[in-house]
Amino acid sequence: MKRLSKYITELRQKRNMSQVEVADAFNKRGYPKVTNQIVYSWESDRVRIPSEHLLVLCDILQISDIRAAFDRTEVPSLLTELNDEGIRMVKQYADLLRISGLYKKSSILQKRTY
């Protein structure tokens, strides 16, 4: 089982980004305190990445399936074996299901009977 820090490094390298480029992308998204040294400390396991920063990092690295990218249990995700086109199609189908209204979760208030 890989550590989260190793996943972050691998995903960044897979996108051909340097630590400086990742830090710059954080800065452009309103996180001026994220420097290349901070990115290095996440990757070297010196500092844990805060959950908010992890979500921003997913945006920067264009990760749409967080579970597939970071789930260390190695249980396959719905999108694990799909290429970019397949992932786009799944999202498109999910949008159609949401728009139809037929598969909406019911709220707690609707389930209660008084």
C-alpha atoms as a PDB file:
ATOM      1  CA  MET A   1       0.000   0.000   0.000  1.00  0.00           C
ATOM      2  CA  LYS A   2       1.499   3.342  -1.079  1.00  0.00           C
ATOM      3  CA  ARG A   3       1.547   6.416   1.074  1.00  0.00           C
ATOM      4  CA  LEU A   4      -0.491   9.441   0.019  1.00  0.00           C
ATOM      5  CA  SER A   5       2.734  11.422  -0.418  1.00  0.00           C
ATOM      6  CA  LYS A   6       3.938   8.960  -3.069  1.00  0.00           C
ATOM      7  CA  TYR A   7       0.630   9.182  -4.917  1.00  0.00           C
ATOM      8  CA  ILE A   8       0.885  12.969  -4.987  1.00  0.00           C
ATOM      9  CA  THR A   9       4.397  12.759  -6.441  1.00  0.00           C
ATOM     10  CA  GLU A  10       3.395  10.190  -9.070  1.00  0.00           C
ATOM     11  CA  LEU A  11       0.294  12.111 -10.142  1.00  0.00           C
ATOM     12  CA  ARG A  12       2.240  15.376 -10.435  1.00  0.00           C
ATOM     13  CA  GLN A  13       4.961  13.699 -12.475  1.00  0.00           C
ATOM     14  CA  LYS A  14       2.364  11.986 -14.667  1.00  0.00           C
ATOM     15  CA  ARG A  15       1.110  15.482 -15.602  1.00  0.00           C
ATOM     16  CA  ASN A  16       4.713  16.589 -16.285  1.00  0.00           C
ATOM     17  CA  MET A  17       4.477  19.333 -13.678  1.00  0.00           C
ATOM     18  CA  SER A  18       7.231  20.554 -11.399  1.00  0.00           C
ATOM     19  CA  GLN A  19       6.647  21.400  -7.753  1.00  0.00           C
ATOM     20  CA  VAL A  20       7.040  25.060  -8.692  1.00  0.00           C
ATOM     21  CA  GLU A  21       4.310  24.748 -11.338  1.00  0.00           C
ATOM     22  CA  VAL A  22       1.974  23.119  -8.814  1.00  0.00           C
ATOM     23  CA  ALA A  23       2.657  25.928  -6.319  1.00  0.00           C
ATOM     24  CA  ASP A  24       2.015  28.527  -9.040  1.00  0.00           C
ATOM     25  CA  ALA A  25      -1.299  26.839  -9.862  1.00  0.00           C
ATOM     26  CA  PHE A  26      -2.283  27.042  -6.181  1.00  0.00           C
ATOM     27  CA  ASN A  27      -1.368  30.735  -6.155  1.00  0.00           C
ATOM     28  CA  LYS A  28      -3.553  31.376  -9.215  1.00  0.00           C
ATOM     29  CA  ARG A  29      -6.446  29.729  -7.358  1.00  0.00           C
ATOM     30  CA  GLY A  30      -6.077  32.010  -4.332  1.00  0.00           C
ATOM     31  CA  TYR A  31      -3.662  30.029  -2.157  1.00  0.00           C
ATOM     32  CA  PRO A  32      -0.614  32.316  -2.005  1.00  0.00           C
ATOM     33  CA  LYS A  33       0.943  30.514   0.973  1.00  0.00           C
ATOM     34  CA  VAL A  34       1.416  27.283  -0.995  1.00  0.00           C
ATOM     35  CA  THR A  35       4.998  27.328  -2.208  1.00  0.00           C
ATOM     36  CA  ASN A  36       7.127  24.730  -3.945  1.00  0.00           C
ATOM     37  CA  GLN A  37       8.638  24.007  -0.503  1.00  0.00           C
ATOM     38  CA  ILE A  38       5.147  23.181   0.804  1.00  0.00           C
ATOM     39  CA  VAL A  39       4.534  20.864  -2.156  1.00  0.00           C
ATOM     40  CA  TYR A  40       7.904  19.233  -1.436  1.00  0.00           C
ATOM     41  CA  SER A  41       6.939  18.734   2.224  1.00  0.00           C
ATOM     42  CA  TRP A  42       3.685  17.013   1.173  1.00  0.00           C
ATOM     43  CA  GLU A  43       5.589  14.739  -1.195  1.00  0.00           C
ATOM     44  CA  SER A  44       8.341  13.935   1.296  1.00  0.00           C
ATOM     45  CA  ASP A  45       5.823  13.160   4.054  1.00  0.00           C
ATOM     46  CA  ARG A  46       7.105  15.956   6.272  1.00  0.00           C
ATOM     47  CA  VAL A  47       3.682  17.639   6.363  1.00  0.00           C
ATOM     48  CA  ARG A  48       0.238  16.190   5.720  1.00  0.00           C
ATOM     49  CA  ILE A  49      -1.699  17.880   2.968  1.00  0.00           C
ATOM     50  CA  PRO A  50      -4.847  19.569   4.317  1.00  0.00           C
ATOM     51  CA  SER A  51      -8.071  18.204   2.842  1.00  0.00           C
ATOM     52  CA  GLU A  52      -8.945  21.533   1.207  1.00  0.00           C
ATOM     53  CA  HIS A  53      -5.554  21.596  -0.497  1.00  0.00           C
ATOM     54  CA  LEU A  54      -6.004  17.996  -1.615  1.00  0.00           C
ATOM     55  CA  LEU A  55      -9.210  18.970  -3.409  1.00  0.00           C
ATOM     56  CA  VAL A  56      -7.480  21.929  -5.067  1.00  0.00           C
ATOM     57  CA  LEU A  57      -4.582  19.653  -6.026  1.00  0.00           C
ATOM     58  CA  CYS A  58      -7.068  17.309  -7.692  1.00  0.00           C
ATOM     59  CA  ASP A  59      -8.337  20.235  -9.735  1.00  0.00           C
ATOM     60  CA  ILE A  60      -4.795  21.259 -10.671  1.00  0.00           C
ATOM     61  CA  LEU A  61      -3.837  17.725 -11.688  1.00  0.00           C
ATOM     62  CA  GLN A  62      -7.176  17.217 -13.485  1.00  0.00           C
ATOM     63  CA  ILE A  63      -8.227  14.331 -11.256  1.00  0.00           C
ATOM     64  CA  SER A  64     -11.947  13.769 -11.539  1.00  0.00           C
ATOM     65  CA  ASP A  65     -12.110  10.461  -9.654  1.00  0.00           C
ATOM     66  CA  ILE A  66     -10.524  11.153  -6.281  1.00  0.00           C
ATOM     67  CA  ARG A  67     -11.183   7.634  -5.045  1.00  0.00           C
ATOM     68  CA  ALA A  68      -9.387   6.040  -7.985  1.00  0.00           C
ATOM     69  CA  ALA A  69      -6.435   8.389  -7.546  1.00  0.00           C
ATOM     70  CA  PHE A  70      -5.998   8.219  -3.785  1.00  0.00           C
ATOM     71  CA  ASP A  71      -7.874   5.229  -2.367  1.00  0.00           C
ATOM     72  CA  ARG A  72      -5.148   3.112  -0.856  1.00  0.00           C
ATOM     73  CA  THR A  73      -7.360   0.071  -0.270  1.00  0.00           C
ATOM     74  CA  GLU A  74      -7.011  -0.777  -3.972  1.00  0.00           C
ATOM     75  CA  VAL A  75     -10.738  -1.473  -4.284  1.00  0.00           C
ATOM     76  CA  PRO A  76     -11.569  -0.602  -7.902  1.00  0.00           C
ATOM     77  CA  SER A  77     -13.512   2.567  -8.514  1.00  0.00           C
ATOM     78  CA  LEU A  78     -16.308   2.920 -11.026  1.00  0.00           C
ATOM     79  CA  LEU A  79     -14.019   4.918 -13.320  1.00  0.00           C
ATOM     80  CA  THR A  80     -10.703   3.144 -12.667  1.00  0.00           C
ATOM     81  CA  GLU A  81     -10.322   1.368 -15.976  1.00  0.00           C
ATOM     82  CA  LEU A  82     -11.891   4.023 -18.207  1.00  0.00           C
ATOM     83  CA  ASN A  83      -9.968   6.387 -20.452  1.00  0.00           C
ATOM     84  CA  ASP A  84     -10.760  10.112 -20.596  1.00  0.00           C
ATOM     85  CA  GLU A  85     -13.513   9.608 -23.177  1.00  0.00           C
ATOM     86  CA  GLY A  86     -15.154   6.892 -21.078  1.00  0.00           C
ATOM     87  CA  ILE A  87     -15.037   9.110 -17.976  1.00  0.00           C
ATOM     88  CA  ARG A  88     -16.602  11.964 -19.977  1.00  0.00           C
ATOM     89  CA  MET A  89     -19.400   9.656 -21.108  1.00  0.00           C
ATOM     90  CA  VAL A  90     -20.102   8.455 -17.551  1.00  0.00           C
ATOM     91  CA  LYS A  91     -20.345  12.073 -16.395  1.00  0.00           C
ATOM     92  CA  GLN A  92     -22.641  12.897 -19.303  1.00  0.00           C
ATOM     93  CA  TYR A  93     -24.908   9.963 -18.431  1.00  0.00           C
ATOM     94  CA  ALA A  94     -24.936  10.992 -14.757  1.00  0.00           C
ATOM     95  CA  ASP A  95     -25.997  14.497 -15.820  1.00  0.00           C
ATOM     96  CA  LEU A  96     -28.878  13.010 -17.820  1.00  0.00           C
ATOM     97  CA  LEU A  97     -29.995  10.972 -14.792  1.00  0.00           C
ATOM     98  CA  ARG A  98     -29.902  14.079 -12.576  1.00  0.00           C
ATOM     99  CA  ILE A  99     -31.800  16.172 -15.112  1.00  0.00           C
ATOM    100  CA  SER A 100     -34.533  13.530 -15.430  1.00  0.00           C
ATOM    101  CA  GLY A 101     -35.326  13.862 -11.726  1.00  0.00           C
ATOM    102  CA  LEU A 102     -36.231  10.184 -11.574  1.00  0.00           C
ATOM    103  CA  TYR A 103     -33.229   9.205  -9.480  1.00  0.00           C
ATOM    104  CA  LYS A 104     -33.058  12.029  -6.940  1.00  0.00           C
ATOM    105  CA  LYS A 105     -32.360  11.157  -3.348  1.00  0.00           C
ATOM    106  CA  SER A 106     -35.282  11.963  -1.145  1.00  0.00           C
ATOM    107  CA  SER A 107     -34.617  14.361   1.660  1.00  0.00           C
ATOM    108  CA  ILE A 108     -35.042  13.355   5.295  1.00  0.00           C
ATOM    109  CA  LEU A 109     -38.021  15.682   5.582  1.00  0.00           C
ATOM    110  CA  GLN A 110     -39.825  13.832   2.788  1.00  0.00           C
ATOM    111  CA  LYS A 111     -39.236  10.466   4.479  1.00  0.00           C
ATOM    112  CA  ARG A 112     -40.614  11.444   7.866  1.00  0.00           C
ATOM    113  CA  THR A 113     -44.246  10.854   8.606  1.00  0.00           C
ATOM    114  CA  TYR A 114     -45.784  12.671  11.538  1.00  0.00           C
END
